[in-house]
N, C-alpha and C. Protein backbone atom coordinates (compact mmCIF):
# COMPACT_ATOMS: atom_id res chain seq x y z
N MET A 1 0.85 -1.16 0.00
CA MET A 1 0.00 0.00 0.00
C MET A 1 0.90 1.24 0.00
N ASP A 2 0.61 2.16 -0.86
CA ASP A 2 1.38 3.40 -0.97
C ASP A 2 0.63 4.53 -0.27
N ILE A 3 1.11 4.93 0.89
CA ILE A 3 0.47 5.99 1.68
C ILE A 3 1.32 7.25 1.55
N PRO A 4 0.72 8.36 1.12
CA PRO A 4 1.51 9.58 0.98
C PRO A 4 1.97 10.11 2.33
N SER A 5 3.16 10.69 2.34
CA SER A 5 3.65 11.27 3.59
C SER A 5 3.14 12.70 3.73
N TYR A 6 2.95 13.09 4.95
CA TYR A 6 2.47 14.43 5.28
C TYR A 6 3.59 15.28 5.86
N ASP A 7 4.52 14.63 6.56
CA ASP A 7 5.61 15.34 7.22
C ASP A 7 6.82 14.41 7.29
N SER A 8 7.99 14.97 7.39
CA SER A 8 9.22 14.19 7.51
C SER A 8 10.08 14.77 8.62
N ASP A 9 10.91 13.91 9.20
CA ASP A 9 11.80 14.33 10.28
C ASP A 9 13.12 13.57 10.13
N GLU A 10 14.23 14.30 10.12
CA GLU A 10 15.54 13.65 10.09
C GLU A 10 15.93 13.36 11.54
N ILE A 11 15.80 12.08 11.94
CA ILE A 11 16.01 11.72 13.35
C ILE A 11 17.49 11.59 13.69
N LYS A 12 18.30 11.28 12.71
CA LYS A 12 19.76 11.23 12.83
C LYS A 12 20.30 11.64 11.48
N ASP A 13 21.57 11.95 11.43
CA ASP A 13 22.18 12.36 10.17
C ASP A 13 21.92 11.32 9.08
N GLY A 14 21.13 11.69 8.06
CA GLY A 14 20.86 10.81 6.93
C GLY A 14 19.79 9.77 7.16
N ILE A 15 19.06 9.81 8.28
CA ILE A 15 17.96 8.89 8.54
C ILE A 15 16.69 9.71 8.65
N ILE A 16 15.82 9.59 7.64
CA ILE A 16 14.62 10.42 7.54
C ILE A 16 13.38 9.53 7.68
N ILE A 17 12.49 9.97 8.55
CA ILE A 17 11.24 9.25 8.79
C ILE A 17 10.10 10.08 8.19
N ASP A 18 9.22 9.42 7.42
CA ASP A 18 8.04 10.06 6.85
C ASP A 18 6.81 9.65 7.65
N TYR A 19 5.94 10.64 7.91
CA TYR A 19 4.72 10.42 8.71
C TYR A 19 3.49 10.78 7.89
N ASP A 20 2.37 10.11 8.19
CA ASP A 20 1.10 10.51 7.60
C ASP A 20 0.45 11.57 8.49
N LYS A 21 -0.77 11.97 8.16
CA LYS A 21 -1.45 13.04 8.91
C LYS A 21 -1.72 12.68 10.37
N GLU A 22 -1.76 11.37 10.69
CA GLU A 22 -2.00 10.92 12.06
C GLU A 22 -0.71 10.62 12.81
N ASP A 23 0.43 11.02 12.25
CA ASP A 23 1.76 10.79 12.84
C ASP A 23 2.19 9.33 12.86
N ASN A 24 1.62 8.50 12.00
CA ASN A 24 2.08 7.12 11.84
C ASN A 24 3.24 7.12 10.87
N ILE A 25 4.23 6.29 11.12
CA ILE A 25 5.37 6.17 10.22
C ILE A 25 4.91 5.47 8.93
N VAL A 26 5.18 6.12 7.79
CA VAL A 26 4.81 5.54 6.50
C VAL A 26 6.04 5.31 5.61
N GLY A 27 7.20 5.76 6.06
CA GLY A 27 8.40 5.55 5.26
C GLY A 27 9.66 5.85 6.05
N ILE A 28 10.73 5.17 5.67
CA ILE A 28 12.04 5.40 6.27
C ILE A 28 13.04 5.50 5.12
N GLU A 29 13.81 6.56 5.11
CA GLU A 29 14.86 6.72 4.12
C GLU A 29 16.19 6.77 4.86
N ILE A 30 17.12 5.92 4.42
CA ILE A 30 18.45 5.89 5.03
C ILE A 30 19.45 6.20 3.92
N LEU A 31 20.01 7.40 3.98
CA LEU A 31 20.99 7.81 2.98
C LEU A 31 22.33 7.15 3.28
N ASP A 32 23.00 6.70 2.24
CA ASP A 32 24.31 6.04 2.35
C ASP A 32 24.25 4.86 3.33
N PHE A 33 23.27 4.00 3.08
CA PHE A 33 22.96 2.87 3.96
C PHE A 33 24.18 1.99 4.26
N GLN A 34 24.91 1.58 3.23
CA GLN A 34 26.05 0.69 3.43
C GLN A 34 27.11 1.32 4.33
N SER A 35 27.34 2.61 4.16
CA SER A 35 28.31 3.31 5.00
C SER A 35 27.85 3.34 6.46
N LYS A 36 26.55 3.56 6.65
CA LYS A 36 26.02 3.59 8.02
C LYS A 36 26.13 2.22 8.69
N LEU A 37 25.95 1.14 7.92
CA LEU A 37 26.13 -0.20 8.47
C LEU A 37 27.58 -0.40 8.92
N LYS A 38 28.51 0.05 8.10
CA LYS A 38 29.93 -0.09 8.45
C LYS A 38 30.28 0.74 9.68
N GLN A 39 29.54 1.84 9.89
CA GLN A 39 29.77 2.71 11.04
C GLN A 39 29.06 2.20 12.30
N GLY A 40 28.30 1.10 12.18
CA GLY A 40 27.68 0.50 13.36
C GLY A 40 26.19 0.72 13.51
N LEU A 41 25.48 1.08 12.41
CA LEU A 41 24.03 1.23 12.48
C LEU A 41 23.38 -0.05 13.00
N THR A 42 22.51 0.07 13.99
CA THR A 42 21.74 -1.08 14.47
C THR A 42 20.26 -0.74 14.42
N ILE A 43 19.43 -1.74 14.59
CA ILE A 43 17.99 -1.55 14.53
C ILE A 43 17.50 -0.62 15.65
N THR A 44 18.25 -0.55 16.74
CA THR A 44 17.85 0.35 17.83
C THR A 44 18.02 1.81 17.46
N ASP A 45 18.73 2.09 16.35
CA ASP A 45 18.86 3.47 15.86
C ASP A 45 17.62 3.92 15.10
N LEU A 46 16.72 3.00 14.82
CA LEU A 46 15.51 3.30 14.05
C LEU A 46 14.28 3.25 14.95
N PRO A 47 13.21 3.97 14.58
CA PRO A 47 12.05 4.12 15.47
C PRO A 47 11.05 2.96 15.41
N PHE A 48 11.50 1.75 15.68
CA PHE A 48 10.59 0.61 15.71
C PHE A 48 10.22 0.29 17.15
N PRO A 49 8.95 -0.07 17.39
CA PRO A 49 8.59 -0.53 18.73
C PRO A 49 9.37 -1.80 19.07
N ASP A 50 9.64 -2.02 20.34
CA ASP A 50 10.40 -3.21 20.75
C ASP A 50 9.82 -4.50 20.17
N SER A 51 8.48 -4.58 20.09
CA SER A 51 7.84 -5.79 19.59
C SER A 51 8.12 -6.04 18.10
N ASP A 52 8.55 -5.02 17.37
CA ASP A 52 8.82 -5.17 15.93
C ASP A 52 10.30 -5.19 15.59
N LYS A 53 11.17 -5.04 16.56
CA LYS A 53 12.61 -4.92 16.27
C LYS A 53 13.20 -6.18 15.65
N ALA A 54 12.80 -7.35 16.09
CA ALA A 54 13.34 -8.59 15.53
C ALA A 54 12.94 -8.73 14.06
N THR A 55 11.69 -8.46 13.75
CA THR A 55 11.22 -8.55 12.37
C THR A 55 11.92 -7.52 11.49
N ALA A 56 12.03 -6.29 11.97
CA ALA A 56 12.69 -5.23 11.22
C ALA A 56 14.17 -5.56 11.02
N SER A 57 14.80 -6.13 12.01
CA SER A 57 16.20 -6.51 11.91
C SER A 57 16.41 -7.53 10.79
N GLN A 58 15.52 -8.51 10.70
CA GLN A 58 15.62 -9.51 9.64
C GLN A 58 15.32 -8.89 8.27
N TYR A 59 14.31 -8.06 8.20
CA TYR A 59 13.90 -7.45 6.94
C TYR A 59 15.01 -6.57 6.36
N PHE A 60 15.59 -5.72 7.21
CA PHE A 60 16.61 -4.81 6.75
C PHE A 60 18.02 -5.40 6.82
N ASN A 61 18.14 -6.60 7.40
CA ASN A 61 19.44 -7.26 7.58
C ASN A 61 20.39 -6.35 8.37
N ILE A 62 19.86 -5.79 9.45
CA ILE A 62 20.62 -4.93 10.35
C ILE A 62 20.63 -5.61 11.72
N PRO A 63 21.77 -5.68 12.38
CA PRO A 63 21.78 -6.27 13.73
C PRO A 63 20.91 -5.48 14.69
N ILE A 64 20.35 -6.16 15.69
CA ILE A 64 19.57 -5.48 16.71
C ILE A 64 20.48 -4.62 17.57
N ALA A 65 21.62 -5.13 17.95
CA ALA A 65 22.61 -4.37 18.72
C ALA A 65 23.97 -5.01 18.49
N VAL A 66 24.99 -4.22 18.71
CA VAL A 66 26.34 -4.77 18.57
C VAL A 66 27.07 -4.69 19.90
């Protein structure tokens, strides 16, 4: 489903979260993703609820923590 974003917020350098009108996350953009992984990006750097971190970690192939 393609939901248009209403607002965006750069939560960390190069990590942009898109929100709909109800402030639900509808998109995540990670600029220079491979470089951020090499610098130690983990799933805890992204705004996922604890209950979704394992699934997000597998989907994005990012460690939960190092």
